[in-house]
C-alpha atoms as a PDB file:
ATOM      1  CA  UNK A   1       0.000   0.000   0.000  1.00  0.00           C
ATOM      2  CA  UNK A   2       1.397   3.396  -0.988  1.00  0.00           C
ATOM      3  CA  UNK A   3       2.283   5.793   1.837  1.00  0.00           C
ATOM      4  CA  UNK A   4       0.603   8.628  -0.033  1.00  0.00           C
ATOM      5  CA  UNK A   5      -2.826   7.021   0.376  1.00  0.00           C
ATOM      6  CA  UNK A   6      -2.983   7.301   4.210  1.00  0.00           C
ATOM      7  CA  UNK A   7      -1.687  10.856   3.939  1.00  0.00           C
ATOM      8  CA  UNK A   8      -4.413  11.732   1.460  1.00  0.00           C
ATOM      9  CA  UNK A   9      -7.043  10.071   3.650  1.00  0.00           C
ATOM     10  CA  UNK A  10      -5.830  12.016   6.683  1.00  0.00           C
ATOM     11  CA  UNK A  11      -5.897  15.275   4.732  1.00  0.00           C
ATOM     12  CA  UNK A  12      -9.389  14.482   3.494  1.00  0.00           C
ATOM     13  CA  UNK A  13     -10.503  13.754   7.060  1.00  0.00           C
ATOM     14  CA  UNK A  14      -9.141  17.106   8.248  1.00  0.00           C
ATOM     15  CA  UNK A  15     -10.908  18.845   5.370  1.00  0.00           C
ATOM     16  CA  UNK A  16     -14.239  17.216   6.283  1.00  0.00           C
ATOM     17  CA  UNK A  17     -13.780  18.169   9.950  1.00  0.00           C
ATOM     18  CA  UNK A  18     -13.011  21.778   9.019  1.00  0.00           C
ATOM     19  CA  UNK A  19     -16.087  21.964   6.785  1.00  0.00           C
ATOM     20  CA  UNK A  20     -18.257  20.639   9.621  1.00  0.00           C
ATOM     21  CA  UNK A  21     -16.848  23.263  11.975  1.00  0.00           C
ATOM     22  CA  UNK A  22     -17.570  26.010   9.444  1.00  0.00           C
ATOM     23  CA  UNK A  23     -21.144  24.769   8.996  1.00  0.00           C
ATOM     24  CA  UNK A  24     -21.611  24.611  12.770  1.00  0.00           C
ATOM     25  CA  UNK A  25     -20.236  28.129  13.154  1.00  0.00           C
ATOM     26  CA  UNK A  26     -22.594  29.463  10.500  1.00  0.00           C
ATOM     27  CA  UNK A  27     -25.527  27.811  12.236  1.00  0.00           C
ATOM     28  CA  UNK A  28     -24.409  29.477  15.449  1.00  0.00           C
ATOM     29  CA  UNK A  29     -24.299  32.854  13.662  1.00  0.00           C
ATOM     30  CA  UNK A  30     -27.736  32.311  12.125  1.00  0.00           C
ATOM     31  CA  UNK A  31     -29.159  31.454  15.550  1.00  0.00           C
ATOM     32  CA  UNK A  32     -27.612  34.681  16.834  1.00  0.00           C
ATOM     33  CA  UNK A  33     -29.361  36.582  14.059  1.00  0.00           C
ATOM     34  CA  UNK A  34     -32.655  34.872  14.863  1.00  0.00           C
ATOM     35  CA  UNK A  35     -32.370  35.877  18.516  1.00  0.00           C
ATOM     36  CA  UNK A  36     -31.426  39.444  17.625  1.00  0.00           C
ATOM     37  CA  UNK A  37     -33.995  40.040  14.908  1.00  0.00           C
ATOM     38  CA  UNK A  38     -37.039  38.153  16.168  1.00  0.00           C
ATOM     39  CA  UNK A  39     -37.104  39.367  19.740  1.00  0.00           C
ATOM     40  CA  UNK A  40     -39.065  42.426  20.777  1.00  0.00           C
ATOM     41  CA  UNK A  41     -35.982  43.314  22.821  1.00  0.00           C
ATOM     42  CA  UNK A  42     -33.953  44.028  19.693  1.00  0.00           C
ATOM     43  CA  UNK A  43     -32.926  47.578  18.764  1.00  0.00           C
ATOM     44  CA  UNK A  44     -35.409  49.612  16.792  1.00  0.00           C
ATOM     45  CA  UNK A  45     -33.923  48.886  13.377  1.00  0.00           C
ATOM     46  CA  UNK A  46     -34.336  45.102  13.844  1.00  0.00           C
ATOM     47  CA  UNK A  47     -37.713  44.985  15.516  1.00  0.00           C
ATOM     48  CA  UNK A  48     -40.904  46.979  15.429  1.00  0.00           C
ATOM     49  CA  UNK A  49     -43.316  47.679  18.234  1.00  0.00           C
ATOM     50  CA  UNK A  50     -45.958  46.510  17.563  1.00  0.00           C
ATOM     51  CA  UNK A  51     -45.049  43.698  15.109  1.00  0.00           C
ATOM     52  CA  UNK A  52     -48.231  44.027  13.084  1.00  0.00           C
ATOM     53  CA  UNK A  53     -47.733  46.277  10.020  1.00  0.00           C
ATOM     54  CA  UNK A  54     -50.923  48.093  11.063  1.00  0.00           C
ATOM     55  CA  UNK A  55     -51.490  49.438  14.584  1.00  0.00           C
ATOM     56  CA  UNK A  56     -54.060  47.299  16.384  1.00  0.00           C
ATOM     57  CA  UNK A  57     -56.298  50.255  17.197  1.00  0.00           C
ATOM     58  CA  UNK A  58     -56.533  51.242  13.507  1.00  0.00           C
ATOM     59  CA  UNK A  59     -57.174  47.667  12.398  1.00  0.00           C
ATOM     60  CA  UNK A  60     -59.886  47.037  14.996  1.00  0.00           C
ATOM     61  CA  UNK A  61     -61.558  50.398  14.324  1.00  0.00           C
ATOM     62  CA  UNK A  62     -61.609  49.668  10.616  1.00  0.00           C
ATOM     63  CA  UNK A  63     -63.078  46.208  11.226  1.00  0.00           C
ATOM     64  CA  UNK A  64     -65.855  47.563  13.440  1.00  0.00           C
ATOM     65  CA  UNK A  65     -66.809  50.509  11.268  1.00  0.00           C
ATOM     66  CA  UNK A  66     -66.235  49.184   7.755  1.00  0.00           C
ATOM     67  CA  UNK A  67     -66.675  45.419   7.930  1.00  0.00           C
ATOM     68  CA  UNK A  68     -69.578  45.654   5.468  1.00  0.00           C
ATOM     69  CA  UNK A  69     -67.881  47.919   2.956  1.00  0.00           C
ATOM     70  CA  UNK A  70     -65.540  47.185   0.086  1.00  0.00           C
ATOM     71  CA  UNK A  71     -61.750  47.362   0.266  1.00  0.00           C
ATOM     72  CA  UNK A  72     -61.870  50.674  -1.594  1.00  0.00           C
ATOM     73  CA  UNK A  73     -62.809  52.641   1.528  1.00  0.00           C
ATOM     74  CA  UNK A  74     -60.814  55.679   2.569  1.00  0.00           C
ATOM     75  CA  UNK A  75     -59.464  53.718   5.526  1.00  0.00           C
ATOM     76  CA  UNK A  76     -58.148  51.062   3.174  1.00  0.00           C
ATOM     77  CA  UNK A  77     -56.297  53.772   1.259  1.00  0.00           C
ATOM     78  CA  UNK A  78     -54.960  55.251   4.503  1.00  0.00           C
ATOM     79  CA  UNK A  79     -53.780  51.828   5.609  1.00  0.00           C
ATOM     80  CA  UNK A  80     -51.894  51.249   2.342  1.00  0.00           C
ATOM     81  CA  UNK A  81     -50.247  54.670   2.550  1.00  0.00           C
ATOM     82  CA  UNK A  82     -49.279  54.045   6.176  1.00  0.00           C
ATOM     83  CA  UNK A  83     -47.679  50.705   5.294  1.00  0.00           C
ATOM     84  CA  UNK A  84     -45.772  52.238   2.365  1.00  0.00           C
ATOM     85  CA  UNK A  85     -44.469  55.122   4.470  1.00  0.00           C
ATOM     86  CA  UNK A  86     -43.456  52.753   7.260  1.00  0.00           C
ATOM     87  CA  UNK A  87     -41.490  50.534   4.876  1.00  0.00           C
ATOM     88  CA  UNK A  88     -39.663  53.559   3.477  1.00  0.00           C
ATOM     89  CA  UNK A  89     -38.832  54.912   6.934  1.00  0.00           C
ATOM     90  CA  UNK A  90     -37.716  51.509   8.216  1.00  0.00           C
ATOM     91  CA  UNK A  91     -35.433  51.001   5.203  1.00  0.00           C
ATOM     92  CA  UNK A  92     -33.803  54.404   5.725  1.00  0.00           C
ATOM     93  CA  UNK A  93     -33.484  53.735   9.457  1.00  0.00           C
ATOM     94  CA  UNK A  94     -31.774  50.419   8.797  1.00  0.00           C
ATOM     95  CA  UNK A  95     -29.145  51.998   6.534  1.00  0.00           C
ATOM     96  CA  UNK A  96     -28.444  54.722   9.114  1.00  0.00           C
ATOM     97  CA  UNK A  97     -28.118  52.230  11.964  1.00  0.00           C
ATOM     98  CA  UNK A  98     -25.801  49.941   9.994  1.00  0.00           C
ATOM     99  CA  UNK A  99     -23.552  52.901   9.191  1.00  0.00           C
ATOM    100  CA  UNK A 100     -23.590  53.984  12.840  1.00  0.00           C
ATOM    101  CA  UNK A 101     -22.590  50.540  14.085  1.00  0.00           C
ATOM    102  CA  UNK A 102     -19.897  50.168  11.419  1.00  0.00           C
ATOM    103  CA  UNK A 103     -18.332  53.500  12.397  1.00  0.00           C
ATOM    104  CA  UNK A 104     -18.519  52.939  16.157  1.00  0.00           C
ATOM    105  CA  UNK A 105     -15.297  51.427  17.589  1.00  0.00           C
ATOM    106  CA  UNK A 106     -16.937  49.634  20.536  1.00  0.00           C
ATOM    107  CA  UNK A 107     -20.518  48.535  21.200  1.00  0.00           C
ATOM    108  CA  UNK A 108     -21.414  49.446  24.776  1.00  0.00           C
ATOM    109  CA  UNK A 109     -24.280  49.032  27.217  1.00  0.00           C
ATOM    110  CA  UNK A 110     -25.031  52.763  26.863  1.00  0.00           C
ATOM    111  CA  UNK A 111     -25.533  52.350  23.103  1.00  0.00           C
ATOM    112  CA  UNK A 112     -27.885  49.452  23.693  1.00  0.00           C
ATOM    113  CA  UNK A 113     -29.742  51.585  26.243  1.00  0.00           C
ATOM    114  CA  UNK A 114     -30.122  54.386  23.677  1.00  0.00           C
ATOM    115  CA  UNK A 115     -31.642  51.936  21.182  1.00  0.00           C
ATOM    116  CA  UNK A 116     -34.138  50.602  23.721  1.00  0.00           C
ATOM    117  CA  UNK A 117     -35.073  54.130  24.815  1.00  0.00           C
ATOM    118  CA  UNK A 118     -35.615  55.158  21.204  1.00  0.00           C
ATOM    119  CA  UNK A 119     -37.844  52.151  20.588  1.00  0.00           C
ATOM    120  CA  UNK A 120     -40.026  52.987  23.572  1.00  0.00           C
ATOM    121  CA  UNK A 121     -40.271  56.654  22.633  1.00  0.00           C
ATOM    122  CA  UNK A 122     -41.534  55.746  19.166  1.00  0.00           C
ATOM    123  CA  UNK A 123     -44.864  57.337  18.302  1.00  0.00           C
ATOM    124  CA  UNK A 124     -46.302  53.881  17.683  1.00  0.00           C
ATOM    125  CA  UNK A 125     -46.061  53.029  21.374  1.00  0.00           C
ATOM    126  CA  UNK A 126     -48.067  56.163  22.195  1.00  0.00           C
ATOM    127  CA  UNK A 127     -51.140  55.209  20.173  1.00  0.00           C
ATOM    128  CA  UNK A 128     -54.110  54.767  22.559  1.00  0.00           C
ATOM    129  CA  UNK A 129     -54.482  51.114  23.480  1.00  0.00           C
ATOM    130  CA  UNK A 130     -50.938  50.136  22.487  1.00  0.00           C
ATOM    131  CA  UNK A 131     -49.131  50.800  25.771  1.00  0.00           C
ATOM    132  CA  UNK A 132     -50.110  47.484  27.303  1.00  0.00           C
ATOM    133  CA  UNK A 133     -49.143  45.155  24.447  1.00  0.00           C
ATOM    134  CA  UNK A 134     -46.800  42.258  25.194  1.00  0.00           C
ATOM    135  CA  UNK A 135     -44.108  43.690  22.899  1.00  0.00           C
ATOM    136  CA  UNK A 136     -44.138  47.078  24.589  1.00  0.00           C
ATOM    137  CA  UNK A 137     -44.094  45.489  28.035  1.00  0.00           C
ATOM    138  CA  UNK A 138     -41.130  43.324  27.014  1.00  0.00           C
ATOM    139  CA  UNK A 139     -39.249  46.418  25.870  1.00  0.00           C
ATOM    140  CA  UNK A 140     -40.062  48.142  29.168  1.00  0.00           C
ATOM    141  CA  UNK A 141     -38.628  45.148  31.041  1.00  0.00           C
ATOM    142  CA  UNK A 142     -35.533  45.393  28.860  1.00  0.00           C
ATOM    143  CA  UNK A 143     -35.236  49.073  29.660  1.00  0.00           C
ATOM    144  CA  UNK A 144     -35.288  48.300  33.391  1.00  0.00           C
ATOM    145  CA  UNK A 145     -32.530  45.703  33.023  1.00  0.00           C
ATOM    146  CA  UNK A 146     -30.376  47.916  30.798  1.00  0.00           C
ATOM    147  CA  UNK A 147     -30.709  50.844  33.219  1.00  0.00           C
ATOM    148  CA  UNK A 148     -29.677  48.531  36.059  1.00  0.00           C
ATOM    149  CA  UNK A 149     -26.719  47.330  33.955  1.00  0.00           C
ATOM    150  CA  UNK A 150     -25.588  50.924  33.453  1.00  0.00           C
ATOM    151  CA  UNK A 151     -25.798  51.528  37.212  1.00  0.00           C
ATOM    152  CA  UNK A 152     -23.957  48.314  38.052  1.00  0.00           C
ATOM    153  CA  UNK A 153     -21.346  48.082  35.264  1.00  0.00           C
ATOM    154  CA  UNK A 154     -21.250  51.601  33.844  1.00  0.00           C
ATOM    155  CA  UNK A 155     -22.403  52.855  30.446  1.00  0.00           C
ATOM    156  CA  UNK A 156     -19.067  51.975  28.869  1.00  0.00           C
ATOM    157  CA  UNK A 157     -19.387  48.274  29.713  1.00  0.00           C
ATOM    158  CA  UNK A 158     -18.753  45.952  26.764  1.00  0.00           C
ATOM    159  CA  UNK A 159     -19.946  42.488  25.803  1.00  0.00           C
ATOM    160  CA  UNK A 160     -16.904  41.023  27.550  1.00  0.00           C
ATOM    161  CA  UNK A 161     -17.874  42.781  30.777  1.00  0.00           C
ATOM    162  CA  UNK A 162     -21.381  41.364  30.466  1.00  0.00           C
ATOM    163  CA  UNK A 163     -20.031  37.877  29.719  1.00  0.00           C
ATOM    164  CA  UNK A 164     -17.887  38.068  32.868  1.00  0.00           C
ATOM    165  CA  UNK A 165     -20.851  38.788  35.150  1.00  0.00           C
ATOM    166  CA  UNK A 166     -21.187  36.162  37.866  1.00  0.00           C
ATOM    167  CA  UNK A 167     -24.411  34.713  39.253  1.00  0.00           C
ATOM    168  CA  UNK A 168     -24.471  37.163  42.162  1.00  0.00           C
ATOM    169  CA  UNK A 169     -24.380  40.156  39.807  1.00  0.00           C
ATOM    170  CA  UNK A 170     -27.124  38.689  37.631  1.00  0.00           C
ATOM    171  CA  UNK A 171     -29.233  37.926  40.690  1.00  0.00           C
ATOM    172  CA  UNK A 172     -28.841  41.531  41.787  1.00  0.00           C
ATOM    173  CA  UNK A 173     -30.185  42.654  38.398  1.00  0.00           C
ATOM    174  CA  UNK A 174     -33.121  40.251  38.648  1.00  0.00           C
ATOM    175  CA  UNK A 175     -34.070  41.454  42.142  1.00  0.00           C
ATOM    176  CA  UNK A 176     -33.737  45.129  41.228  1.00  0.00           C
ATOM    177  CA  UNK A 177     -35.847  44.712  38.081  1.00  0.00           C
ATOM    178  CA  UNK A 178     -38.317  42.232  39.626  1.00  0.00           C
ATOM    179  CA  UNK A 179     -37.684  39.712  36.848  1.00  0.00           C
ATOM    180  CA  UNK A 180     -36.650  36.065  36.788  1.00  0.00           C
ATOM    181  CA  UNK A 181     -33.036  35.044  36.215  1.00  0.00           C
ATOM    182  CA  UNK A 182     -34.093  33.486  32.922  1.00  0.00           C
ATOM    183  CA  UNK A 183     -35.598  36.774  31.716  1.00  0.00           C
ATOM    184  CA  UNK A 184     -32.452  38.650  32.717  1.00  0.00           C
ATOM    185  CA  UNK A 185     -30.245  36.103  30.928  1.00  0.00           C
ATOM    186  CA  UNK A 186     -32.287  36.516  27.741  1.00  0.00           C
ATOM    187  CA  UNK A 187     -31.680  40.274  27.782  1.00  0.00           C
ATOM    188  CA  UNK A 188     -27.969  39.853  28.521  1.00  0.00           C
ATOM    189  CA  UNK A 189     -27.694  37.423  25.616  1.00  0.00           C
ATOM    190  CA  UNK A 190     -29.534  39.891  23.406  1.00  0.00           C
ATOM    191  CA  UNK A 191     -26.885  42.519  24.133  1.00  0.00           C
ATOM    192  CA  UNK A 192     -24.067  40.090  23.340  1.00  0.00           C
ATOM    193  CA  UNK A 193     -25.693  39.093  20.044  1.00  0.00           C
ATOM    194  CA  UNK A 194     -25.993  42.740  19.036  1.00  0.00           C
ATOM    195  CA  UNK A 195     -22.307  43.217  19.846  1.00  0.00           C
ATOM    196  CA  UNK A 196     -21.522  40.287  17.553  1.00  0.00           C
ATOM    197  CA  UNK A 197     -23.402  42.016  14.751  1.00  0.00           C
ATOM    198  CA  UNK A 198     -21.430  45.192  15.500  1.00  0.00           C
ATOM    199  CA  UNK A 199     -18.119  43.325  15.134  1.00  0.00           C
ATOM    200  CA  UNK A 200     -19.186  41.908  11.784  1.00  0.00           C
ATOM    201  CA  UNK A 201     -20.061  45.362  10.453  1.00  0.00           C
ATOM    202  CA  UNK A 202     -16.759  46.755  11.779  1.00  0.00           C
ATOM    203  CA  UNK A 203     -14.917  43.896  10.090  1.00  0.00           C
ATOM    204  CA  UNK A 204     -16.529  44.650   6.740  1.00  0.00           C
ATOM    205  CA  UNK A 205     -15.750  48.345   7.027  1.00  0.00           C
ATOM    206  CA  UNK A 206     -12.103  47.741   7.955  1.00  0.00           C
ATOM    207  CA  UNK A 207     -11.705  45.281   5.064  1.00  0.00           C
ATOM    208  CA  UNK A 208     -13.243  47.740   2.622  1.00  0.00           C
ATOM    209  CA  UNK A 209     -16.238  45.475   1.976  1.00  0.00           C
ATOM    210  CA  UNK A 210     -19.653  46.863   1.102  1.00  0.00           C
ATOM    211  CA  UNK A 211     -22.000  47.319   4.037  1.00  0.00           C
ATOM    212  CA  UNK A 212     -25.420  45.642   3.771  1.00  0.00           C
ATOM    213  CA  UNK A 213     -28.321  47.886   2.853  1.00  0.00           C
ATOM    214  CA  UNK A 214     -31.250  45.751   3.990  1.00  0.00           C
ATOM    215  CA  UNK A 215     -32.151  43.069   6.523  1.00  0.00           C
ATOM    216  CA  UNK A 216     -31.482  40.213   4.117  1.00  0.00           C
ATOM    217  CA  UNK A 217     -28.041  41.592   3.301  1.00  0.00           C
ATOM    218  CA  UNK A 218     -27.328  41.955   7.004  1.00  0.00           C
ATOM    219  CA  UNK A 219     -28.227  38.322   7.628  1.00  0.00           C
ATOM    220  CA  UNK A 220     -26.020  37.221   4.726  1.00  0.00           C
ATOM    221  CA  UNK A 221     -23.095  39.267   6.073  1.00  0.00           C
ATOM    222  CA  UNK A 222     -23.459  37.521   9.436  1.00  0.00           C
ATOM    223  CA  UNK A 223     -23.397  34.123   7.747  1.00  0.00           C
ATOM    224  CA  UNK A 224     -20.373  34.927   5.583  1.00  0.00           C
ATOM    225  CA  UNK A 225     -18.207  36.883   8.019  1.00  0.00           C
ATOM    226  CA  UNK A 226     -19.394  35.729  11.422  1.00  0.00           C
ATOM    227  CA  UNK A 227     -17.108  32.684  11.369  1.00  0.00           C
ATOM    228  CA  UNK A 228     -14.083  34.932  10.892  1.00  0.00           C
ATOM    229  CA  UNK A 229     -14.642  37.108  13.949  1.00  0.00           C
ATOM    230  CA  UNK A 230     -15.733  34.588  16.583  1.00  0.00           C
ATOM    231  CA  UNK A 231     -13.511  34.551  19.666  1.00  0.00           C
ATOM    232  CA  UNK A 232     -12.182  31.317  21.168  1.00  0.00           C
ATOM    233  CA  UNK A 233     -14.769  31.590  23.948  1.00  0.00           C
ATOM    234  CA  UNK A 234     -17.569  31.975  21.396  1.00  0.00           C
ATOM    235  CA  UNK A 235     -16.265  28.993  19.424  1.00  0.00           C
ATOM    236  CA  UNK A 236     -16.277  26.985  22.644  1.00  0.00           C
ATOM    237  CA  UNK A 237     -19.838  28.124  23.346  1.00  0.00           C
ATOM    238  CA  UNK A 238     -20.754  27.133  19.799  1.00  0.00           C
ATOM    239  CA  UNK A 239     -19.340  23.629  20.294  1.00  0.00           C
ATOM    240  CA  UNK A 240     -21.175  23.248  23.611  1.00  0.00           C
ATOM    241  CA  UNK A 241     -24.433  24.400  22.018  1.00  0.00           C
ATOM    242  CA  UNK A 242     -24.033  21.955  19.146  1.00  0.00           C
ATOM    243  CA  UNK A 243     -23.161  19.113  21.564  1.00  0.00           C
ATOM    244  CA  UNK A 244     -26.297  19.780  23.643  1.00  0.00           C
ATOM    245  CA  UNK A 245     -28.371  19.887  20.474  1.00  0.00           C
ATOM    246  CA  UNK A 246     -27.018  16.500  19.369  1.00  0.00           C
ATOM    247  CA  UNK A 247     -27.716  14.991  22.808  1.00  0.00           C
ATOM    248  CA  UNK A 248     -31.325  16.193  22.689  1.00  0.00           C
ATOM    249  CA  UNK A 249     -31.760  14.656  19.251  1.00  0.00           C
END
């Protein structure tokens, strides 16, 4: 048997292992995107409060008053115009926020706080009947935790500072905000996932790569470049997550 054959088999085995690690890392990045973009705790350019493209009070009013009329009513026209304007504003907001993150050297707790505050101050949360929605309440809970984080860690705290928090510090946050440890951990993870997105945008800017201009482009950038910027600790977390997933299956 030729000696080159075992060498080739070993090289092939290493190649397969590397490809599996890359796939696992990309899945980890995609899960990070899903957490960041689907949660009502996400910054304003990734989430909307409320999630429905039409405010609930407008939709319910239209249903009550015009359920027997055709779709050509003036309220139908107003609804279409509202949706169109919202899409335009959200697209412009996304581009501005991507540029801001790409040009910011470090993503801090204070920046996350500013995003949460902006979300809650949105005119959509001030529509009568909207203040008690689950999404708005979730954002208010996030605001309480972020404010407590600023008091405890300082506004300049980074994702590494948050990752280094021990159980006692997290418990202090939970007690101060009157939330469960699980709820606090979700918000802390949300901040870390946003910091990961920030690093990806910084990486693209420093490499002279085009910045994404929409949500789909942002997700693609995370898939393509996320593997390159993961720290050793994040790679270890990725392996642990994948191992737990395999055990559950």
